[in-house]
PDB file of N, CA and C in Angstrom:
ATOM      1  N   MET A   1      76.601-148.090-169.039  1.00  0.00           N
ATOM      2  CA  MET A   1      76.660-146.752-169.597  1.00  0.00           C
ATOM      3  C   MET A   1      76.583-145.756-168.436  1.00  0.00           C
ATOM      4  N   ASP A   2      77.492-144.806-168.437  1.00  0.00           N
ATOM      5  CA  ASP A   2      77.433-143.772-167.405  1.00  0.00           C
ATOM      6  C   ASP A   2      76.829-142.500-168.013  1.00  0.00           C
ATOM      7  N   VAL A   3      76.718-141.475-167.205  1.00  0.00           N
ATOM      8  CA  VAL A   3      76.047-140.249-167.636  1.00  0.00           C
ATOM      9  C   VAL A   3      76.778-139.599-168.808  1.00  0.00           C
ATOM     10  N   GLU A   4      78.087-139.572-168.784  1.00  0.00           N
ATOM     11  CA  GLU A   4      78.834-138.949-169.889  1.00  0.00           C
ATOM     12  C   GLU A   4      78.635-139.708-171.200  1.00  0.00           C
ATOM     13  N   GLU A   5      78.577-141.022-171.127  1.00  0.00           N
ATOM     14  CA  GLU A   5      78.300-141.814-172.329  1.00  0.00           C
ATOM     15  C   GLU A   5      76.877-141.553-172.824  1.00  0.00           C
ATOM     16  N   LEU A   6      75.978-141.379-171.879  1.00  0.00           N
ATOM     17  CA  LEU A   6      74.595-141.057-172.238  1.00  0.00           C
ATOM     18  C   LEU A   6      74.543-139.740-172.999  1.00  0.00           C
ATOM     19  N   PHE A   7      75.246-138.727-172.493  1.00  0.00           N
ATOM     20  CA  PHE A   7      75.264-137.435-173.165  1.00  0.00           C
ATOM     21  C   PHE A   7      75.929-137.515-174.536  1.00  0.00           C
ATOM     22  N   ALA A   8      76.935-138.351-174.677  1.00  0.00           N
ATOM     23  CA  ALA A   8      77.599-138.494-175.974  1.00  0.00           C
ATOM     24  C   ALA A   8      76.657-139.138-176.991  1.00  0.00           C
ATOM     25  N   ALA A   9      75.906-140.140-176.542  1.00  0.00           N
ATOM     26  CA  ALA A   9      75.003-140.847-177.443  1.00  0.00           C
ATOM     27  C   ALA A   9      73.699-140.075-177.680  1.00  0.00           C
ATOM     28  N   PHE A  10      73.236-139.385-176.656  1.00  0.00           N
ATOM     29  CA  PHE A  10      71.975-138.656-176.713  1.00  0.00           C
ATOM     30  C   PHE A  10      72.186-137.241-176.162  1.00  0.00           C
ATOM     31  N   PRO A  11      72.777-136.341-176.945  1.00  0.00           N
ATOM     32  CA  PRO A  11      73.119-135.005-176.437  1.00  0.00           C
ATOM     33  C   PRO A  11      71.912-134.229-175.902  1.00  0.00           C
ATOM     34  N   TRP A  12      70.738-134.502-176.415  1.00  0.00           N
ATOM     35  CA  TRP A  12      69.527-133.821-175.950  1.00  0.00           C
ATOM     36  C   TRP A  12      69.195-134.175-174.502  1.00  0.00           C
ATOM     37  N   ALA A  13      69.742-135.282-173.978  1.00  0.00           N
ATOM     38  CA  ALA A  13      69.467-135.698-172.598  1.00  0.00           C
ATOM     39  C   ALA A  13      69.960-134.664-171.590  1.00  0.00           C
ATOM     40  N   ARG A  14      70.868-133.780-171.990  1.00  0.00           N
ATOM     41  CA  ARG A  14      71.360-132.732-171.092  1.00  0.00           C
ATOM     42  C   ARG A  14      70.244-131.787-170.650  1.00  0.00           C
ATOM     43  N   PHE A  15      69.184-131.708-171.443  1.00  0.00           N
ATOM     44  CA  PHE A  15      68.079-130.810-171.118  1.00  0.00           C
ATOM     45  C   PHE A  15      67.104-131.417-170.116  1.00  0.00           C
ATOM     46  N   LEU A  16      67.219-132.713-169.863  1.00  0.00           N
ATOM     47  CA  LEU A  16      66.341-133.356-168.892  1.00  0.00           C
ATOM     48  C   LEU A  16      66.761-132.977-167.472  1.00  0.00           C
ATOM     49  N   PRO A  17      65.805-132.796-166.587  1.00  0.00           N
ATOM     50  CA  PRO A  17      66.157-132.601-165.172  1.00  0.00           C
ATOM     51  C   PRO A  17      66.913-133.831-164.667  1.00  0.00           C
ATOM     52  N   ALA A  18      67.703-133.667-163.625  1.00  0.00           N
ATOM     53  CA  ALA A  18      68.568-134.745-163.124  1.00  0.00           C
ATOM     54  C   ALA A  18      67.799-136.031-162.846  1.00  0.00           C
ATOM     55  N   ASP A  19      66.648-135.927-162.203  1.00  0.00           N
ATOM     56  CA  ASP A  19      65.866-137.135-161.910  1.00  0.00           C
ATOM     57  C   ASP A  19      65.417-137.835-163.189  1.00  0.00           C
ATOM     58  N   ASP A  20      65.041-137.042-164.185  1.00  0.00           N
ATOM     59  CA  ASP A  20      64.621-137.626-165.455  1.00  0.00           C
ATOM     60  C   ASP A  20      65.795-138.259-166.197  1.00  0.00           C
ATOM     61  N   ARG A  21      66.974-137.644-166.117  1.00  0.00           N
ATOM     62  CA  ARG A  21      68.160-138.258-166.742  1.00  0.00           C
ATOM     63  C   ARG A  21      68.417-139.631-166.144  1.00  0.00           C
ATOM     64  N   SER A  22      68.322-139.717-164.826  1.00  0.00           N
ATOM     65  CA  SER A  22      68.537-141.003-164.146  1.00  0.00           C
ATOM     66  C   SER A  22      67.486-142.020-164.580  1.00  0.00           C
ATOM     67  N   GLU A  23      66.247-141.575-164.669  1.00  0.00           N
ATOM     68  CA  GLU A  23      65.167-142.476-165.081  1.00  0.00           C
ATOM     69  C   GLU A  23      65.356-142.924-166.531  1.00  0.00           C
ATOM     70  N   PHE A  24      65.745-141.994-167.402  1.00  0.00           N
ATOM     71  CA  PHE A  24      66.008-142.356-168.794  1.00  0.00           C
ATOM     72  C   PHE A  24      67.120-143.395-168.878  1.00  0.00           C
ATOM     73  N   LEU A  25      68.193-143.187-168.139  1.00  0.00           N
ATOM     74  CA  LEU A  25      69.309-144.126-168.141  1.00  0.00           C
ATOM     75  C   LEU A  25      68.847-145.504-167.673  1.00  0.00           C
ATOM     76  N   ARG A  26      68.086-145.550-166.573  1.00  0.00           N
ATOM     77  CA  ARG A  26      67.577-146.840-166.071  1.00  0.00           C
ATOM     78  C   ARG A  26      66.679-147.520-167.096  1.00  0.00           C
ATOM     79  N   GLU A  27      65.786-146.743-167.673  1.00  0.00           N
ATOM     80  CA  GLU A  27      64.856-147.306-168.658  1.00  0.00           C
ATOM     81  C   GLU A  27      65.601-147.788-169.900  1.00  0.00           C
ATOM     82  N   PHE A  28      66.595-147.017-170.334  1.00  0.00           N
ATOM     83  CA  PHE A  28      67.378-147.407-171.510  1.00  0.00           C
ATOM     84  C   PHE A  28      68.108-148.724-171.254  1.00  0.00           C
ATOM     85  N   VAL A  29      68.750-148.834-170.113  1.00  0.00           N
ATOM     86  CA  VAL A  29      69.475-150.065-169.777  1.00  0.00           C
ATOM     87  C   VAL A  29      68.507-151.235-169.694  1.00  0.00           C
ATOM     88  N   ASP A  30      67.360-151.026-169.055  1.00  0.00           N
ATOM     89  CA  ASP A  30      66.363-152.094-168.957  1.00  0.00           C
ATOM     90  C   ASP A  30      65.854-152.520-170.331  1.00  0.00           C
ATOM     91  N   MET A  31      65.586-151.546-171.186  1.00  0.00           N
ATOM     92  CA  MET A  31      65.011-151.847-172.500  1.00  0.00           C
ATOM     93  C   MET A  31      66.013-152.469-173.463  1.00  0.00           C
ATOM     94  N   THR A  32      67.283-152.167-173.309  1.00  0.00           N
ATOM     95  CA  THR A  32      68.273-152.688-174.253  1.00  0.00           C
ATOM     96  C   THR A  32      68.972-153.934-173.742  1.00  0.00           C
ATOM     97  N   GLY A  33      68.677-154.345-172.517  1.00  0.00           N
ATOM     98  CA  GLY A  33      69.254-155.561-171.976  1.00  0.00           C
ATOM     99  C   GLY A  33      68.551-156.779-172.543  1.00  0.00           C
ATOM    100  N   ALA A  34      69.001-157.925-172.118  1.00  0.00           N
ATOM    101  CA  ALA A  34      68.384-159.172-172.558  1.00  0.00           C
ATOM    102  C   ALA A  34      66.966-159.264-172.011  1.00  0.00           C
ATOM    103  N   GLY A  35      66.116-159.895-172.762  1.00  0.00           N
ATOM    104  CA  GLY A  35      64.749-160.098-172.286  1.00  0.00           C
ATOM    105  C   GLY A  35      63.733-159.737-173.335  1.00  0.00           C
ATOM    106  N   GLU A  36      62.487-159.896-172.965  1.00  0.00           N
ATOM    107  CA  GLU A  36      61.399-159.700-173.914  1.00  0.00           C
ATOM    108  C   GLU A  36      61.185-158.243-174.298  1.00  0.00           C
ATOM    109  N   ASN A  37      61.680-157.293-173.503  1.00  0.00           N
ATOM    110  CA  ASN A  37      61.511-155.873-173.830  1.00  0.00           C
ATOM    111  C   ASN A  37      62.500-155.389-174.878  1.00  0.00           C
ATOM    112  N   ASN A  38      63.485-156.214-175.209  1.00  0.00           N
ATOM    113  CA  ASN A  38      64.518-155.813-176.154  1.00  0.00           C
ATOM    114  C   ASN A  38      63.996-155.930-177.587  1.00  0.00           C
ATOM    115  N   ILE A  39      62.995-155.138-177.906  1.00  0.00           N
ATOM    116  CA  ILE A  39      62.396-155.096-179.235  1.00  0.00           C
ATOM    117  C   ILE A  39      62.718-153.727-179.812  1.00  0.00           C
ATOM    118  N   PRO A  40      63.410-153.681-180.960  1.00  0.00           N
ATOM    119  CA  PRO A  40      63.865-152.393-181.499  1.00  0.00           C
ATOM    120  C   PRO A  40      62.782-151.321-181.563  1.00  0.00           C
ATOM    121  N   ALA A  41      61.588-151.676-181.969  1.00  0.00           N
ATOM    122  CA  ALA A  41      60.527-150.664-182.074  1.00  0.00           C
ATOM    123  C   ALA A  41      60.194-150.070-180.706  1.00  0.00           C
ATOM    124  N   ARG A  42      60.187-150.883-179.663  1.00  0.00           N
ATOM    125  CA  ARG A  42      59.902-150.383-178.318  1.00  0.00           C
ATOM    126  C   ARG A  42      61.036-149.490-177.820  1.00  0.00           C
ATOM    127  N   VAL A  43      62.264-149.897-178.105  1.00  0.00           N
ATOM    128  CA  VAL A  43      63.416-149.098-177.691  1.00  0.00           C
ATOM    129  C   VAL A  43      63.383-147.751-178.404  1.00  0.00           C
ATOM    130  N   LEU A  44      63.135-147.771-179.701  1.00  0.00           N
ATOM    131  CA  LEU A  44      63.067-146.525-180.469  1.00  0.00           C
ATOM    132  C   LEU A  44      61.947-145.625-179.954  1.00  0.00           C
ATOM    133  N   GLN A  45      60.785-146.185-179.675  1.00  0.00           N
ATOM    134  CA  GLN A  45      59.666-145.397-179.158  1.00  0.00           C
ATOM    135  C   GLN A  45      60.031-144.744-177.829  1.00  0.00           C
ATOM    136  N   MET A  46      60.695-145.503-176.955  1.00  0.00           N
ATOM    137  CA  MET A  46      61.106-144.969-175.662  1.00  0.00           C
ATOM    138  C   MET A  46      62.086-143.798-175.851  1.00  0.00           C
ATOM    139  N   ILE A  47      63.026-143.928-176.772  1.00  0.00           N
ATOM    140  CA  ILE A  47      63.993-142.858-177.036  1.00  0.00           C
ATOM    141  C   ILE A  47      63.277-141.622-177.591  1.00  0.00           C
ATOM    142  N   VAL A  48      62.359-141.824-178.518  1.00  0.00           N
ATOM    143  CA  VAL A  48      61.610-140.700-179.101  1.00  0.00           C
ATOM    144  C   VAL A  48      60.819-139.966-178.025  1.00  0.00           C
ATOM    145  N   GLU A  49      60.185-140.717-177.117  1.00  0.00           N
ATOM    146  CA  GLU A  49      59.405-140.086-176.056  1.00  0.00           C
ATOM    147  C   GLU A  49      60.292-139.281-175.112  1.00  0.00           C
ATOM    148  N   TRP A  50      61.443-139.823-174.743  1.00  0.00           N
ATOM    149  CA  TRP A  50      62.355-139.084-173.860  1.00  0.00           C
ATOM    150  C   TRP A  50      62.922-137.853-174.571  1.00  0.00           C
ATOM    151  N   ARG A  51      63.217-137.971-175.878  1.00  0.00           N
ATOM    152  CA  ARG A  51      63.728-136.816-176.614  1.00  0.00           C
ATOM    153  C   ARG A  51      62.674-135.711-176.656  1.00  0.00           C
ATOM    154  N   SER A  52      61.419-136.093-176.817  1.00  0.00           N
ATOM    155  CA  SER A  52      60.335-135.101-176.804  1.00  0.00           C
ATOM    156  C   SER A  52      60.252-134.412-175.449  1.00  0.00           C
ATOM    157  N   THR A  53      60.421-135.167-174.382  1.00  0.00           N
ATOM    158  CA  THR A  53      60.427-134.591-173.037  1.00  0.00           C
ATOM    159  C   THR A  53      61.580-133.603-172.894  1.00  0.00           C
ATOM    160  N   ALA A  54      62.747-133.966-173.401  1.00  0.00           N
ATOM    161  CA  ALA A  54      63.906-133.076-173.335  1.00  0.00           C
ATOM    162  C   ALA A  54      63.654-131.796-174.127  1.00  0.00           C
ATOM    163  N   GLN A  55      62.983-131.914-175.266  1.00  0.00           N
ATOM    164  CA  GLN A  55      62.689-130.730-176.072  1.00  0.00           C
ATOM    165  C   GLN A  55      61.783-129.755-175.313  1.00  0.00           C
ATOM    166  N   VAL A  56      60.850-130.279-174.563  1.00  0.00           N
ATOM    167  CA  VAL A  56      59.980-129.429-173.749  1.00  0.00           C
ATOM    168  C   VAL A  56      60.805-128.695-172.697  1.00  0.00           C
ATOM    169  N   HIS A  57      61.702-129.413-172.034  1.00  0.00           N
ATOM    170  CA  HIS A  57      62.531-128.787-170.997  1.00  0.00           C
ATOM    171  C   HIS A  57      63.526-127.792-171.580  1.00  0.00           C
ATOM    172  N   ALA A  58      63.868-127.950-172.841  1.00  0.00           N
ATOM    173  CA  ALA A  58      64.818-127.034-173.483  1.00  0.00           C
ATOM    174  C   ALA A  58      64.165-125.705-173.881  1.00  0.00           C
ATOM    175  N   ASP A  59      62.840-125.680-173.925  1.00  0.00           N
ATOM    176  CA  ASP A  59      62.121-124.488-174.351  1.00  0.00           C
ATOM    177  C   ASP A  59      61.357-123.908-173.156  1.00  0.00           C
ATOM    178  N   PRO A  60      61.903-122.865-172.519  1.00  0.00           N
ATOM    179  CA  PRO A  60      61.265-122.320-171.308  1.00  0.00           C
ATOM    180  C   PRO A  60      59.808-121.900-171.509  1.00  0.00           C
ATOM    181  N   LYS A  61      59.485-121.331-172.664  1.00  0.00           N
ATOM    182  CA  LYS A  61      58.101-120.908-172.911  1.00  0.00           C
ATOM    183  C   LYS A  61      57.164-122.106-173.005  1.00  0.00           C
ATOM    184  N   LEU A  62      57.588-123.133-173.704  1.00  0.00           N
ATOM    185  CA  LEU A  62      56.769-124.334-173.825  1.00  0.00           C
ATOM    186  C   LEU A  62      56.612-125.022-172.479  1.00  0.00           C
ATOM    187  N   LEU A  63      57.693-125.121-171.730  1.00  0.00           N
ATOM    188  CA  LEU A  63      57.637-125.741-170.409  1.00  0.00           C
ATOM    189  C   LEU A  63      56.672-124.978-169.502  1.00  0.00           C
ATOM    190  N   ALA A  64      56.751-123.663-169.508  1.00  0.00           N
ATOM    191  CA  ALA A  64      55.857-122.851-168.678  1.00  0.00           C
ATOM    192  C   ALA A  64      54.401-123.037-169.099  1.00  0.00           C
ATOM    193  N   ALA A  65      54.167-123.072-170.409  1.00  0.00           N
ATOM    194  CA  ALA A  65      52.802-123.249-170.893  1.00  0.00           C
ATOM    195  C   ALA A  65      52.228-124.602-170.479  1.00  0.00           C
ATOM    196  N   LEU A  66      53.049-125.622-170.507  1.00  0.00           N
ATOM    197  CA  LEU A  66      52.567-126.956-170.143  1.00  0.00           C
ATOM    198  C   LEU A  66      52.405-127.123-168.638  1.00  0.00           C
ATOM    199  N   GLN A  67      53.055-126.277-167.871  1.00  0.00           N
ATOM    200  CA  GLN A  67      52.950-126.354-166.405  1.00  0.00           C
ATOM    201  C   GLN A  67      51.805-125.530-165.849  1.00  0.00           C
ATOM    202  N   GLU A  68      51.180-124.702-166.692  1.00  0.00           N
ATOM    203  CA  GLU A  68      50.051-123.884-166.244  1.00  0.00           C
ATOM    204  C   GLU A  68      48.867-124.781-165.938  1.00  0.00           C
ATOM    205  N   PRO A  69      48.071-124.404-164.945  1.00  0.00           N
ATOM    206  CA  PRO A  69      46.856-125.184-164.676  1.00  0.00           C
ATOM    207  C   PRO A  69      45.935-125.135-165.896  1.00  0.00           C
ATOM    208  N   GLN A  70      45.305-126.245-166.155  1.00  0.00           N
ATOM    209  CA  GLN A  70      44.382-126.286-167.291  1.00  0.00           C
ATOM    210  C   GLN A  70      43.081-125.599-166.952  1.00  0.00           C
ATOM    211  N   ARG A  71      42.572-124.877-167.916  1.00  0.00           N
ATOM    212  CA  ARG A  71      41.309-124.175-167.728  1.00  0.00           C
ATOM    213  C   ARG A  71      40.194-125.014-168.331  1.00  0.00           C
ATOM    214  N   THR A  72      39.114-125.071-167.625  1.00  0.00           N
ATOM    215  CA  THR A  72      37.966-125.818-168.166  1.00  0.00           C
ATOM    216  C   THR A  72      36.781-124.943-168.393  1.00  0.00           C
TER     217      THR A  72
END
């Protein structure tokens, strides 16, 4: 899967920073390939988590709020 195919399948991935898009692509390929990690629930959870990350990056106010130092 290349980046354009990734965007076609997961349009929200466009909101991820470039490094995160690359990491998502690597993780997706690893999770959907042969092996013990190829469990639908794990793959779905990984996609949901990345989509949530993309939603944060798509909302400048939310991103700024989450990047502020935490007050104790």
